[in-house]
């Protein structure tokens, strides 16, 4: 399978003069063996935990946020238009005078559109097609600035902002970033206000379910929020910080699908994702359920919402003593599982993730 990073590496290979010296920044970085060429010069920016782990395992320096200027800035822009433009503006802002910005986008994700955006703001660009993607680059010439007004509009398109008549903070790129997800709303409607003790929100996003818990479940002692995308936490922090409660949410940058080693929670709530990119993958939700079973105390409970066609009940009945379907309506179902089994059959069969 071909990926934009392969086109990016190809463009660097056939234009070696671009990357011979100087500091290198890789925005939305992904691991690739060819990155070893930049040893000691490369900083990788990545907010997705799984991708950050792969980069760190390969020995690269990884930051969620970066500062400073670089002689070469590589970027794999997000396919979503506002984020794509914001990524180009951010890459420009980290580019030293005389430096090169190089981007790559898959053909099915708007490569020609993104190439045109860079041409519009920078003027002269160079491009190459390879691996079903396009790589394109431009130089930040001294004395010939890129279009400042356009760059500023692009920056603003990706910033955190108030949504839903100012009630919440969110930002483009998060799941259902500008509205309340229908499934989460259904789950919130059926969550009992008797949830208490140490509670976790798996896949918290910008914090809608956590907001509901803190406002309605007054016997919660602690609330831990987990997400694989670090971009969610500042939004969740703002949204949850204004709630009149002594309980403060503790964020954890963690990929829930890798499992959970501790048994500590009295309750877990979640609306697990079931897509990897554009492709449906019910295995993601199953891994969330397995992680919840590991994370809950013996008398703990799991509350989750899912699309009605997703096959979660079989695993739930193997992992928990009692499973109930609370409601099924509008294409969604709310499930309640209680008392995780210490050694469920899915563990005894050797399927526990290591």
Foldseek 3Di string as FASTA:
>chain_A
DFDQVVQVVVVCVVVVVQPPDKAEEEECDADDPVCCNCPPRYEYAHQFQVRQVVCVVVPHHYDVDDDAAIQEYEYAFDLPVLRNLLRVLVSVVRHDAFHKYKYKYALVSQQVVSQVVCCQFAPDKDWDDDRNMIMMMHTRHPPRHTDPVSSVVSNVSFDWDAADVRLFIFGPPWDVGRDDDPQLVVLLVPDDLCDAEEEEEEQQALHPNVLSNVQRNQRHPEYEYEHSGNRNVVRNQVNNVVRPHPYHYHYDNDQQLLAAQEADGQEYEYAFDQDDVPHGHLVRVLSNVRRVLNHHDQFHKYKYKYFPPRPNVVSLVQFAVDKDWPDDDDRMTIIMGGGTDPQGPCVVVPNDRD
